[in-house]
Amino acid sequence: MLVSAATACATYVGAASLIELITGDPSARLSAGFICAAIFLIPGFPLVTGGLDVARIDLGVGIPRLGYATAVILAITIGVWIVAVPTGISPDAVPT
Protein backbone atom coordinates (compact mmCIF):
# COMPACT_ATOMS: atom_id res chain seq x y z
CA MET A 1 0.00 0.00 0.00
CA LEU A 2 2.86 2.37 0.71
CA VAL A 3 4.22 1.90 -2.81
CA SER A 4 0.73 2.22 -4.32
CA ALA A 5 0.10 5.50 -2.49
CA ALA A 6 3.50 6.90 -3.43
CA THR A 7 3.04 5.86 -7.06
CA ALA A 8 -0.46 7.35 -7.30
CA CYS A 9 0.63 10.64 -5.73
CA ALA A 10 3.80 10.88 -7.81
CA THR A 11 1.81 10.19 -10.99
CA TYR A 12 -0.64 12.93 -10.06
CA VAL A 13 2.14 15.41 -9.35
CA GLY A 14 3.78 14.53 -12.68
CA ALA A 15 0.53 14.94 -14.60
CA ALA A 16 -0.26 18.23 -12.84
CA SER A 17 3.24 19.51 -13.60
CA LEU A 18 2.84 18.53 -17.26
CA ILE A 19 -0.48 20.36 -17.48
CA GLU A 20 1.12 23.38 -15.80
CA LEU A 21 3.92 23.32 -18.39
CA ILE A 22 1.44 23.19 -21.25
CA THR A 23 -0.96 25.82 -19.97
CA GLY A 24 1.54 27.95 -18.05
CA ASP A 25 -0.94 28.35 -15.22
CA PRO A 26 -0.51 26.51 -11.88
CA SER A 27 -3.59 24.88 -10.42
CA ALA A 28 -5.06 26.43 -7.29
CA ARG A 29 -6.47 23.02 -6.32
CA LEU A 30 -3.24 21.03 -6.50
CA SER A 31 -3.38 19.89 -2.86
CA ALA A 32 -6.99 18.70 -3.12
CA GLY A 33 -6.20 16.58 -6.17
CA PHE A 34 -3.07 15.28 -4.46
CA ILE A 35 -5.11 13.88 -1.58
CA CYS A 36 -7.71 12.47 -3.98
CA ALA A 37 -4.94 10.58 -5.79
CA ALA A 38 -4.52 8.25 -2.82
CA ILE A 39 -7.97 8.24 -1.23
CA PHE A 40 -9.08 5.25 -3.32
CA LEU A 41 -6.71 3.09 -1.25
CA ILE A 42 -8.62 3.60 2.03
CA PRO A 43 -9.84 0.15 3.16
CA GLY A 44 -13.57 0.78 3.52
CA PHE A 45 -14.67 -2.83 3.88
CA PRO A 46 -12.38 -3.73 6.83
CA LEU A 47 -13.22 -0.46 8.57
CA VAL A 48 -16.97 -0.93 8.30
CA THR A 49 -17.05 -4.64 9.11
CA GLY A 50 -14.54 -4.19 11.93
CA GLY A 51 -16.69 -1.47 13.43
CA LEU A 52 -19.81 -3.61 13.10
CA ASP A 53 -18.04 -6.59 14.69
CA VAL A 54 -16.88 -4.48 17.64
CA ALA A 55 -20.41 -3.06 18.00
CA ARG A 56 -21.74 -6.65 18.19
CA ILE A 57 -19.09 -7.43 20.83
CA ASP A 58 -17.36 -9.89 18.47
CA LEU A 59 -13.95 -8.65 19.55
CA GLY A 60 -12.04 -11.68 18.26
CA VAL A 61 -12.84 -10.70 14.69
CA GLY A 62 -13.42 -6.94 14.96
CA ILE A 63 -10.15 -5.91 16.57
CA PRO A 64 -7.90 -7.66 13.98
CA ARG A 65 -9.93 -6.11 11.14
CA LEU A 66 -9.61 -2.66 12.66
CA GLY A 67 -5.90 -3.31 13.25
CA TYR A 68 -5.45 -4.27 9.60
CA ALA A 69 -7.32 -1.17 8.44
CA THR A 70 -5.19 1.00 10.73
CA ALA A 71 -1.97 -0.54 9.37
CA VAL A 72 -3.12 0.08 5.79
CA ILE A 73 -4.05 3.70 6.54
CA LEU A 74 -0.66 4.22 8.20
CA ALA A 75 1.11 2.82 5.12
CA ILE A 76 -0.95 5.08 2.85
CA THR A 77 -0.10 8.07 5.03
CA ILE A 78 3.62 7.33 4.82
CA GLY A 79 3.40 6.88 1.05
CA VAL A 80 1.66 10.23 0.62
CA TRP A 81 4.17 11.87 2.96
CA ILE A 82 7.11 10.48 0.96
CA VAL A 83 5.83 12.33 -2.12
CA ALA A 84 4.50 15.44 -0.33
CA VAL A 85 7.74 16.42 1.39
CA PRO A 86 10.02 16.66 -1.69
CA THR A 87 7.34 18.29 -3.85
CA GLY A 88 6.38 20.85 -1.19
CA ILE A 89 2.65 20.21 -1.39
CA SER A 90 0.82 21.24 1.77
CA PRO A 91 -2.82 20.58 2.68
CA ASP A 92 -3.87 24.21 2.61
CA ALA A 93 -7.48 25.19 2.35
CA VAL A 94 -8.85 24.98 -1.17
CA PRO A 95 -9.80 28.40 -2.52
CA THR A 96 -13.39 29.00 -3.52
PDB file of N, CA and C in Angstrom:
ATOM      1  N   MET A   1       0.808  -1.192   0.000  1.00  0.00           N
ATOM      2  CA  MET A   1       0.000   0.000   0.000  1.00  0.00           C
ATOM      3  C   MET A   1       0.856   1.263   0.000  1.00  0.00           C
ATOM      4  N   LEU A   2       1.971   1.218   0.679  1.00  0.00           N
ATOM      5  CA  LEU A   2       2.860   2.367   0.710  1.00  0.00           C
ATOM      6  C   LEU A   2       3.331   2.700  -0.698  1.00  0.00           C
ATOM      7  N   VAL A   3       3.736   1.687  -1.437  1.00  0.00           N
ATOM      8  CA  VAL A   3       4.219   1.896  -2.806  1.00  0.00           C
ATOM      9  C   VAL A   3       3.072   2.365  -3.704  1.00  0.00           C
ATOM     10  N   SER A   4       1.889   1.805  -3.514  1.00  0.00           N
ATOM     11  CA  SER A   4       0.729   2.218  -4.315  1.00  0.00           C
ATOM     12  C   SER A   4       0.393   3.688  -4.066  1.00  0.00           C
ATOM     13  N   ALA A   5       0.406   4.108  -2.814  1.00  0.00           N
ATOM     14  CA  ALA A   5       0.095   5.500  -2.493  1.00  0.00           C
ATOM     15  C   ALA A   5       1.159   6.435  -3.053  1.00  0.00           C
ATOM     16  N   ALA A   6       2.422   6.062  -2.907  1.00  0.00           N
ATOM     17  CA  ALA A   6       3.503   6.900  -3.433  1.00  0.00           C
ATOM     18  C   ALA A   6       3.436   6.980  -4.955  1.00  0.00           C
ATOM     19  N   THR A   7       3.144   5.868  -5.602  1.00  0.00           N
ATOM     20  CA  THR A   7       3.039   5.858  -7.061  1.00  0.00           C
ATOM     21  C   THR A   7       1.866   6.709  -7.544  1.00  0.00           C
ATOM     22  N   ALA A   8       0.719   6.566  -6.899  1.00  0.00           N
ATOM     23  CA  ALA A   8      -0.457   7.348  -7.297  1.00  0.00           C
ATOM     24  C   ALA A   8      -0.211   8.840  -7.119  1.00  0.00           C
ATOM     25  N   CYS A   9       0.379   9.219  -5.996  1.00  0.00           N
ATOM     26  CA  CYS A   9       0.625  10.639  -5.735  1.00  0.00           C
ATOM     27  C   CYS A   9       1.699  11.201  -6.663  1.00  0.00           C
ATOM     28  N   ALA A  10       2.745  10.423  -6.906  1.00  0.00           N
ATOM     29  CA  ALA A  10       3.804  10.882  -7.810  1.00  0.00           C
ATOM     30  C   ALA A  10       3.275  11.016  -9.238  1.00  0.00           C
ATOM     31  N   THR A  11       2.417  10.100  -9.657  1.00  0.00           N
ATOM     32  CA  THR A  11       1.808  10.187 -10.985  1.00  0.00           C
ATOM     33  C   THR A  11       0.945  11.436 -11.092  1.00  0.00           C
ATOM     34  N   TYR A  12       0.189  11.719 -10.049  1.00  0.00           N
ATOM     35  CA  TYR A  12      -0.641  12.926 -10.058  1.00  0.00           C
ATOM     36  C   TYR A  12       0.217  14.182 -10.137  1.00  0.00           C
ATOM     37  N   VAL A  13       1.275  14.236  -9.336  1.00  0.00           N
ATOM     38  CA  VAL A  13       2.144  15.414  -9.354  1.00  0.00           C
ATOM     39  C   VAL A  13       2.783  15.581 -10.732  1.00  0.00           C
ATOM     40  N   GLY A  14       3.202  14.468 -11.339  1.00  0.00           N
ATOM     41  CA  GLY A  14       3.782  14.532 -12.676  1.00  0.00           C
ATOM     42  C   GLY A  14       2.782  15.027 -13.711  1.00  0.00           C
ATOM     43  N   ALA A  15       1.556  14.511 -13.658  1.00  0.00           N
ATOM     44  CA  ALA A  15       0.527  14.943 -14.604  1.00  0.00           C
ATOM     45  C   ALA A  15       0.161  16.405 -14.384  1.00  0.00           C
ATOM     46  N   ALA A  16       0.065  16.836 -13.130  1.00  0.00           N
ATOM     47  CA  ALA A  16      -0.257  18.234 -12.839  1.00  0.00           C
ATOM     48  C   ALA A  16       0.868  19.158 -13.293  1.00  0.00           C
ATOM     49  N   SER A  17       2.105  18.709 -13.145  1.00  0.00           N
ATOM     50  CA  SER A  17       3.237  19.511 -13.605  1.00  0.00           C
ATOM     51  C   SER A  17       3.256  19.607 -15.124  1.00  0.00           C
ATOM     52  N   LEU A  18       2.912  18.526 -15.800  1.00  0.00           N
ATOM     53  CA  LEU A  18       2.845  18.531 -17.262  1.00  0.00           C
ATOM     54  C   LEU A  18       1.757  19.482 -17.756  1.00  0.00           C
ATOM     55  N   ILE A  19       0.606  19.446 -17.108  1.00  0.00           N
ATOM     56  CA  ILE A  19      -0.479  20.359 -17.478  1.00  0.00           C
ATOM     57  C   ILE A  19      -0.072  21.807 -17.214  1.00  0.00           C
ATOM     58  N   GLU A  20       0.644  22.032 -16.108  1.00  0.00           N
ATOM     59  CA  GLU A  20       1.115  23.382 -15.799  1.00  0.00           C
ATOM     60  C   GLU A  20       2.118  23.861 -16.850  1.00  0.00           C
ATOM     61  N   LEU A  21       2.977  22.959 -17.335  1.00  0.00           N
ATOM     62  CA  LEU A  21       3.924  23.317 -18.390  1.00  0.00           C
ATOM     63  C   LEU A  21       3.204  23.688 -19.684  1.00  0.00           C
ATOM     64  N   ILE A  22       2.169  22.943 -20.007  1.00  0.00           N
ATOM     65  CA  ILE A  22       1.439  23.185 -21.254  1.00  0.00           C
ATOM     66  C   ILE A  22       0.632  24.474 -21.173  1.00  0.00           C
ATOM     67  N   THR A  23      -0.083  24.651 -20.083  1.00  0.00           N
ATOM     68  CA  THR A  23      -0.960  25.820 -19.970  1.00  0.00           C
ATOM     69  C   THR A  23      -0.240  27.042 -19.414  1.00  0.00           C
ATOM     70  N   GLY A  24       0.821  26.835 -18.652  1.00  0.00           N
ATOM     71  CA  GLY A  24       1.544  27.949 -18.053  1.00  0.00           C
ATOM     72  C   GLY A  24       0.871  28.519 -16.829  1.00  0.00           C
ATOM     73  N   ASP A  25      -0.171  27.847 -16.355  1.00  0.00           N
ATOM     74  CA  ASP A  25      -0.936  28.349 -15.218  1.00  0.00           C
ATOM     75  C   ASP A  25      -1.000  27.277 -14.130  1.00  0.00           C
ATOM     76  N   PRO A  26      -0.436  27.526 -12.945  1.00  0.00           N
ATOM     77  CA  PRO A  26      -0.507  26.513 -11.883  1.00  0.00           C
ATOM     78  C   PRO A  26      -1.928  26.362 -11.346  1.00  0.00           C
ATOM     79  N   SER A  27      -2.258  25.152 -10.946  1.00  0.00           N
ATOM     80  CA  SER A  27      -3.595  24.881 -10.425  1.00  0.00           C
ATOM     81  C   SER A  27      -3.706  25.338  -8.978  1.00  0.00           C
ATOM     82  N   ALA A  28      -4.805  25.988  -8.673  1.00  0.00           N
ATOM     83  CA  ALA A  28      -5.057  26.427  -7.294  1.00  0.00           C
ATOM     84  C   ALA A  28      -5.526  25.266  -6.431  1.00  0.00           C
ATOM     85  N   ARG A  29      -5.931  24.167  -7.045  1.00  0.00           N
ATOM     86  CA  ARG A  29      -6.473  23.022  -6.320  1.00  0.00           C
ATOM     87  C   ARG A  29      -5.516  21.827  -6.336  1.00  0.00           C
ATOM     88  N   LEU A  30      -4.237  22.095  -6.423  1.00  0.00           N
ATOM     89  CA  LEU A  30      -3.238  21.026  -6.499  1.00  0.00           C
ATOM     90  C   LEU A  30      -3.278  20.127  -5.270  1.00  0.00           C
ATOM     91  N   SER A  31      -3.394  20.703  -4.081  1.00  0.00           N
ATOM     92  CA  SER A  31      -3.375  19.891  -2.859  1.00  0.00           C
ATOM     93  C   SER A  31      -4.620  19.017  -2.736  1.00  0.00           C
ATOM     94  N   ALA A  32      -5.765  19.499  -3.189  1.00  0.00           N
ATOM     95  CA  ALA A  32      -6.992  18.700  -3.124  1.00  0.00           C
ATOM     96  C   ALA A  32      -6.888  17.496  -4.043  1.00  0.00           C
ATOM     97  N   GLY A  33      -6.390  17.688  -5.236  1.00  0.00           N
ATOM     98  CA  GLY A  33      -6.201  16.577  -6.166  1.00  0.00           C
ATOM     99  C   GLY A  33      -5.148  15.609  -5.683  1.00  0.00           C
ATOM    100  N   PHE A  34      -4.142  16.119  -4.998  1.00  0.00           N
ATOM    101  CA  PHE A  34      -3.074  15.280  -4.463  1.00  0.00           C
ATOM    102  C   PHE A  34      -3.632  14.290  -3.441  1.00  0.00           C
ATOM    103  N   ILE A  35      -4.495  14.762  -2.574  1.00  0.00           N
ATOM    104  CA  ILE A  35      -5.107  13.885  -1.582  1.00  0.00           C
ATOM    105  C   ILE A  35      -6.039  12.888  -2.264  1.00  0.00           C
ATOM    106  N   CYS A  36      -6.780  13.356  -3.257  1.00  0.00           N
ATOM    107  CA  CYS A  36      -7.707  12.472  -3.977  1.00  0.00           C
ATOM    108  C   CYS A  36      -6.979  11.372  -4.737  1.00  0.00           C
ATOM    109  N   ALA A  37      -5.707  11.590  -5.057  1.00  0.00           N
ATOM    110  CA  ALA A  37      -4.944  10.584  -5.795  1.00  0.00           C
ATOM    111  C   ALA A  37      -4.747   9.311  -4.972  1.00  0.00           C
ATOM    112  N   ALA A  38      -4.769   9.419  -3.659  1.00  0.00           N
ATOM    113  CA  ALA A  38      -4.523   8.247  -2.818  1.00  0.00           C
ATOM    114  C   ALA A  38      -5.743   7.804  -2.021  1.00  0.00           C
ATOM    115  N   ILE A  39      -6.825   8.559  -2.074  1.00  0.00           N
ATOM    116  CA  ILE A  39      -7.974   8.239  -1.228  1.00  0.00           C
ATOM    117  C   ILE A  39      -8.653   6.931  -1.635  1.00  0.00           C
ATOM    118  N   PHE A  40      -8.460   6.507  -2.886  1.00  0.00           N
ATOM    119  CA  PHE A  40      -9.078   5.248  -3.324  1.00  0.00           C
ATOM    120  C   PHE A  40      -8.475   4.040  -2.610  1.00  0.00           C
ATOM    121  N   LEU A  41      -7.365   4.204  -1.951  1.00  0.00           N
ATOM    122  CA  LEU A  41      -6.709   3.091  -1.255  1.00  0.00           C
ATOM    123  C   LEU A  41      -7.262   2.848   0.147  1.00  0.00           C
ATOM    124  N   ILE A  42      -8.076   3.752   0.673  1.00  0.00           N
ATOM    125  CA  ILE A  42      -8.619   3.600   2.027  1.00  0.00           C
ATOM    126  C   ILE A  42      -9.434   2.303   2.092  1.00  0.00           C
ATOM    127  N   PRO A  43      -9.155   1.446   3.063  1.00  0.00           N
ATOM    128  CA  PRO A  43      -9.843   0.149   3.155  1.00  0.00           C
ATOM    129  C   PRO A  43     -11.220   0.270   3.795  1.00  0.00           C
ATOM    130  N   GLY A  44     -12.219   0.570   3.002  1.00  0.00           N
ATOM    131  CA  GLY A  44     -13.568   0.783   3.521  1.00  0.00           C
ATOM    132  C   GLY A  44     -14.197  -0.465   4.098  1.00  0.00           C
ATOM    133  N   PHE A  45     -14.041  -1.592   3.412  1.00  0.00           N
ATOM    134  CA  PHE A  45     -14.670  -2.830   3.882  1.00  0.00           C
ATOM    135  C   PHE A  45     -14.151  -3.261   5.255  1.00  0.00           C
ATOM    136  N   PRO A  46     -12.834  -3.345   5.484  1.00  0.00           N
ATOM    137  CA  PRO A  46     -12.382  -3.730   6.830  1.00  0.00           C
ATOM    138  C   PRO A  46     -12.769  -2.730   7.913  1.00  0.00           C
ATOM    139  N   LEU A  47     -12.815  -1.447   7.575  1.00  0.00           N
ATOM    140  CA  LEU A  47     -13.220  -0.458   8.575  1.00  0.00           C
ATOM    141  C   LEU A  47     -14.677  -0.632   8.981  1.00  0.00           C
ATOM    142  N   VAL A  48     -15.545  -0.799   8.004  1.00  0.00           N
ATOM    143  CA  VAL A  48     -16.973  -0.927   8.297  1.00  0.00           C
ATOM    144  C   VAL A  48     -17.263  -2.242   9.008  1.00  0.00           C
ATOM    145  N   THR A  49     -16.763  -3.346   8.479  1.00  0.00           N
ATOM    146  CA  THR A  49     -17.047  -4.636   9.106  1.00  0.00           C
ATOM    147  C   THR A  49     -16.379  -4.761  10.469  1.00  0.00           C
ATOM    148  N   GLY A  50     -15.191  -4.185  10.618  1.00  0.00           N
ATOM    149  CA  GLY A  50     -14.538  -4.194  11.927  1.00  0.00           C
ATOM    150  C   GLY A  50     -15.333  -3.408  12.959  1.00  0.00           C
ATOM    151  N   GLY A  51     -15.849  -2.259  12.537  1.00  0.00           N
ATOM    152  CA  GLY A  51     -16.695  -1.470  13.435  1.00  0.00           C
ATOM    153  C   GLY A  51     -17.978  -2.187  13.798  1.00  0.00           C
ATOM    154  N   LEU A  52     -18.586  -2.850  12.816  1.00  0.00           N
ATOM    155  CA  LEU A  52     -19.805  -3.611  13.099  1.00  0.00           C
ATOM    156  C   LEU A  52     -19.521  -4.791  14.033  1.00  0.00           C
ATOM    157  N   ASP A  53     -18.388  -5.471  13.825  1.00  0.00           N
ATOM    158  CA  ASP A  53     -18.037  -6.594  14.694  1.00  0.00           C
ATOM    159  C   ASP A  53     -17.794  -6.130  16.124  1.00  0.00           C
ATOM    160  N   VAL A  54     -17.117  -5.003  16.293  1.00  0.00           N
ATOM    161  CA  VAL A  54     -16.878  -4.483  17.637  1.00  0.00           C
ATOM    162  C   VAL A  54     -18.200  -4.050  18.267  1.00  0.00           C
ATOM    163  N   ALA A  55     -19.104  -3.471  17.479  1.00  0.00           N
ATOM    164  CA  ALA A  55     -20.412  -3.065  18.004  1.00  0.00           C
ATOM    165  C   ALA A  55     -21.227  -4.271  18.459  1.00  0.00           C
ATOM    166  N   ARG A  56     -21.033  -5.422  17.804  1.00  0.00           N
ATOM    167  CA  ARG A  56     -21.738  -6.647  18.194  1.00  0.00           C
ATOM    168  C   ARG A  56     -20.976  -7.426  19.267  1.00  0.00           C
ATOM    169  N   ILE A  57     -19.939  -6.842  19.798  1.00  0.00           N
ATOM    170  CA  ILE A  57     -19.085  -7.430  20.833  1.00  0.00           C
ATOM    171  C   ILE A  57     -18.393  -8.715  20.322  1.00  0.00           C
ATOM    172  N   ASP A  58     -18.137  -8.786  19.043  1.00  0.00           N
ATOM    173  CA  ASP A  58     -17.358  -9.893  18.475  1.00  0.00           C
ATOM    174  C   ASP A  58     -15.923  -9.406  18.346  1.00  0.00           C
ATOM    175  N   LEU A  59     -15.260  -9.263  19.499  1.00  0.00           N
ATOM    176  CA  LEU A  59     -13.949  -8.646  19.549  1.00  0.00           C
ATOM    177  C   LEU A  59     -12.856  -9.504  18.903  1.00  0.00           C
ATOM    178  N   GLY A  60     -13.038 -10.804  18.865  1.00  0.00           N
ATOM    179  CA  GLY A  60     -12.035 -11.685  18.264  1.00  0.00           C
ATOM    180  C   GLY A  60     -11.871 -11.466  16.772  1.00  0.00           C
ATOM    181  N   VAL A  61     -12.899 -10.963  16.124  1.00  0.00           N
ATOM    182  CA  VAL A  61     -12.844 -10.697  14.687  1.00  0.00           C
ATOM    183  C   VAL A  61     -12.719  -9.201  14.419  1.00  0.00           C
ATOM    184  N   GLY A  62     -13.384  -8.375  15.200  1.00  0.00           N
ATOM    185  CA  GLY A  62     -13.421  -6.939  14.957  1.00  0.00           C
ATOM    186  C   GLY A  62     -12.101  -6.240  15.186  1.00  0.00           C
ATOM    187  N   ILE A  63     -11.414  -6.586  16.258  1.00  0.00           N
ATOM    188  CA  ILE A  63     -10.153  -5.909  16.565  1.00  0.00           C
ATOM    189  C   ILE A  63      -9.077  -6.204  15.522  1.00  0.00           C
ATOM    190  N   PRO A  64      -8.889  -7.445  15.059  1.00  0.00           N
ATOM    191  CA  PRO A  64      -7.904  -7.659  13.984  1.00  0.00           C
ATOM    192  C   PRO A  64      -8.253  -6.924  12.684  1.00  0.00           C
ATOM    193  N   ARG A  65      -9.543  -6.846  12.353  1.00  0.00           N
ATOM    194  CA  ARG A  65      -9.928  -6.108  11.141  1.00  0.00           C
ATOM    195  C   ARG A  65      -9.616  -4.629  11.287  1.00  0.00           C
ATOM    196  N   LEU A  66      -9.924  -4.067  12.438  1.00  0.00           N
ATOM    197  CA  LEU A  66      -9.606  -2.661  12.662  1.00  0.00           C
ATOM    198  C   LEU A  66      -8.096  -2.439  12.709  1.00  0.00           C
ATOM    199  N   GLY A  67      -7.365  -3.401  13.250  1.00  0.00           N
ATOM    200  CA  GLY A  67      -5.904  -3.306  13.249  1.00  0.00           C
ATOM    201  C   GLY A  67      -5.330  -3.339  11.840  1.00  0.00           C
ATOM    202  N   TYR A  68      -5.879  -4.203  10.996  1.00  0.00           N
ATOM    203  CA  TYR A  68      -5.450  -4.269   9.601  1.00  0.00           C
ATOM    204  C   TYR A  68      -5.745  -2.952   8.888  1.00  0.00           C
ATOM    205  N   ALA A  69      -6.949  -2.434   9.088  1.00  0.00           N
ATOM    206  CA  ALA A  69      -7.316  -1.174   8.441  1.00  0.00           C
ATOM    207  C   ALA A  69      -6.418  -0.038   8.917  1.00  0.00           C
ATOM    208  N   THR A  70      -6.077  -0.025  10.187  1.00  0.00           N
ATOM    209  CA  THR A  70      -5.189   0.996  10.726  1.00  0.00           C
ATOM    210  C   THR A  70      -3.799   0.880  10.119  1.00  0.00           C
ATOM    211  N   ALA A  71      -3.297  -0.338   9.978  1.00  0.00           N
ATOM    212  CA  ALA A  71      -1.972  -0.540   9.369  1.00  0.00           C
ATOM    213  C   ALA A  71      -1.959  -0.081   7.913  1.00  0.00           C
ATOM    214  N   VAL A  72      -3.031  -0.351   7.187  1.00  0.00           N
ATOM    215  CA  VAL A  72      -3.117   0.085   5.788  1.00  0.00           C
ATOM    216  C   VAL A  72      -3.177   1.602   5.702  1.00  0.00           C
ATOM    217  N   ILE A  73      -3.958   2.235   6.551  1.00  0.00           N
ATOM    218  CA  ILE A  73      -4.053   3.698   6.541  1.00  0.00           C
ATOM    219  C   ILE A  73      -2.710   4.323   6.902  1.00  0.00           C
ATOM    220  N   LEU A  74      -1.991   3.721   7.845  1.00  0.00           N
ATOM    221  CA  LEU A  74      -0.657   4.217   8.195  1.00  0.00           C
ATOM    222  C   LEU A  74       0.295   4.105   7.009  1.00  0.00           C
ATOM    223  N   ALA A  75       0.256   2.997   6.289  1.00  0.00           N
ATOM    224  CA  ALA A  75       1.112   2.818   5.118  1.00  0.00           C
ATOM    225  C   ALA A  75       0.764   3.839   4.034  1.00  0.00           C
ATOM    226  N   ILE A  76      -0.531   4.087   3.831  1.00  0.00           N
ATOM    227  CA  ILE A  76      -0.951   5.084   2.846  1.00  0.00           C
ATOM    228  C   ILE A  76      -0.451   6.467   3.249  1.00  0.00           C
ATOM    229  N   THR A  77      -0.548   6.780   4.527  1.00  0.00           N
ATOM    230  CA  THR A  77      -0.099   8.072   5.031  1.00  0.00           C
ATOM    231  C   THR A  77       1.393   8.264   4.789  1.00  0.00           C
ATOM    232  N   ILE A  78       2.173   7.240   5.046  1.00  0.00           N
ATOM    233  CA  ILE A  78       3.617   7.331   4.824  1.00  0.00           C
ATOM    234  C   ILE A  78       3.919   7.484   3.333  1.00  0.00           C
ATOM    235  N   GLY A  79       3.199   6.757   2.490  1.00  0.00           N
ATOM    236  CA  GLY A  79       3.404   6.876   1.048  1.00  0.00           C
ATOM    237  C   GLY A  79       3.096   8.272   0.535  1.00  0.00           C
ATOM    238  N   VAL A  80       2.013   8.865   1.024  1.00  0.00           N
ATOM    239  CA  VAL A  80       1.662  10.231   0.623  1.00  0.00           C
ATOM    240  C   VAL A  80       2.704  11.208   1.149  1.00  0.00           C
ATOM    241  N   TRP A  81       3.168  11.003   2.361  1.00  0.00           N
ATOM    242  CA  TRP A  81       4.168  11.873   2.964  1.00  0.00           C
ATOM    243  C   TRP A  81       5.486  11.827   2.190  1.00  0.00           C
ATOM    244  N   ILE A  82       5.857  10.636   1.713  1.00  0.00           N
ATOM    245  CA  ILE A  82       7.107  10.482   0.959  1.00  0.00           C
ATOM    246  C   ILE A  82       7.090  11.344  -0.303  1.00  0.00           C
ATOM    247  N   VAL A  83       5.934  11.509  -0.912  1.00  0.00           N
ATOM    248  CA  VAL A  83       5.834  12.334  -2.116  1.00  0.00           C
ATOM    249  C   VAL A  83       5.592  13.806  -1.758  1.00  0.00           C
ATOM    250  N   ALA A  84       4.862  14.070  -0.684  1.00  0.00           N
ATOM    251  CA  ALA A  84       4.503  15.445  -0.334  1.00  0.00           C
ATOM    252  C   ALA A  84       5.700  16.265   0.122  1.00  0.00           C
ATOM    253  N   VAL A  85       6.615  15.653   0.849  1.00  0.00           N
ATOM    254  CA  VAL A  85       7.744  16.420   1.386  1.00  0.00           C
ATOM    255  C   VAL A  85       8.656  16.944   0.271  1.00  0.00           C
ATOM    256  N   PRO A  86       9.133  16.107  -0.655  1.00  0.00           N
ATOM    257  CA  PRO A  86      10.018  16.659  -1.688  1.00  0.00           C
ATOM    258  C   PRO A  86       9.330  17.617  -2.662  1.00  0.00           C
ATOM    259  N   THR A  87       8.032  17.420  -2.906  1.00  0.00           N
ATOM    260  CA  THR A  87       7.336  18.291  -3.849  1.00  0.00           C
ATOM    261  C   THR A  87       6.843  19.575  -3.210  1.00  0.00           C
ATOM    262  N   GLY A  88       6.789  19.634  -1.896  1.00  0.00           N
ATOM    263  CA  GLY A  88       6.375  20.847  -1.189  1.00  0.00           C
ATOM    264  C   GLY A  88       4.884  21.085  -1.171  1.00  0.00           C
ATOM    265  N   ILE A  89       4.100  20.054  -1.416  1.00  0.00           N
ATOM    266  CA  ILE A  89       2.649  20.207  -1.387  1.00  0.00           C
ATOM    267  C   ILE A  89       2.175  20.197   0.058  1.00  0.00           C
ATOM    268  N   SER A  90       1.355  21.173   0.412  1.00  0.00           N
ATOM    269  CA  SER A  90       0.819  21.236   1.767  1.00  0.00           C
ATOM    270  C   SER A  90      -0.708  21.217   1.682  1.00  0.00           C
ATOM    271  N   PRO A  91      -1.364  20.671   2.707  1.00  0.00           N
ATOM    272  CA  PRO A  91      -2.823  20.583   2.678  1.00  0.00           C
ATOM    273  C   PRO A  91      -3.494  21.892   3.085  1.00  0.00           C
ATOM    274  N   ASP A  92      -3.235  22.928   2.329  1.00  0.00           N
ATOM    275  CA  ASP A  92      -3.874  24.215   2.607  1.00  0.00           C
ATOM    276  C   ASP A  92      -5.341  24.156   2.224  1.00  0.00           C
ATOM    277  N   ALA A  93      -6.065  25.105   2.710  1.00  0.00           N
ATOM    278  CA  ALA A  93      -7.484  25.186   2.354  1.00  0.00           C
ATOM    279  C   ALA A  93      -7.631  25.458   0.862  1.00  0.00           C
ATOM    280  N   VAL A  94      -8.606  24.796   0.250  1.00  0.00           N
ATOM    281  CA  VAL A  94      -8.850  24.977  -1.174  1.00  0.00           C
ATOM    282  C   VAL A  94      -9.588  26.291  -1.381  1.00  0.00           C
ATOM    283  N   PRO A  95      -9.096  27.130  -2.297  1.00  0.00           N
ATOM    284  CA  PRO A  95      -9.796  28.403  -2.519  1.00  0.00           C
ATOM    285  C   PRO A  95     -11.157  28.181  -3.168  1.00  0.00           C
ATOM    286  N   THR A  96     -12.043  29.119  -2.945  1.00  0.00           N
ATOM    287  CA  THR A  96     -13.385  28.996  -3.523  1.00  0.00           C
ATOM    288  C   THR A  96     -13.387  29.377  -4.984  1.00  0.00           C
TER     289      THR A  96
END
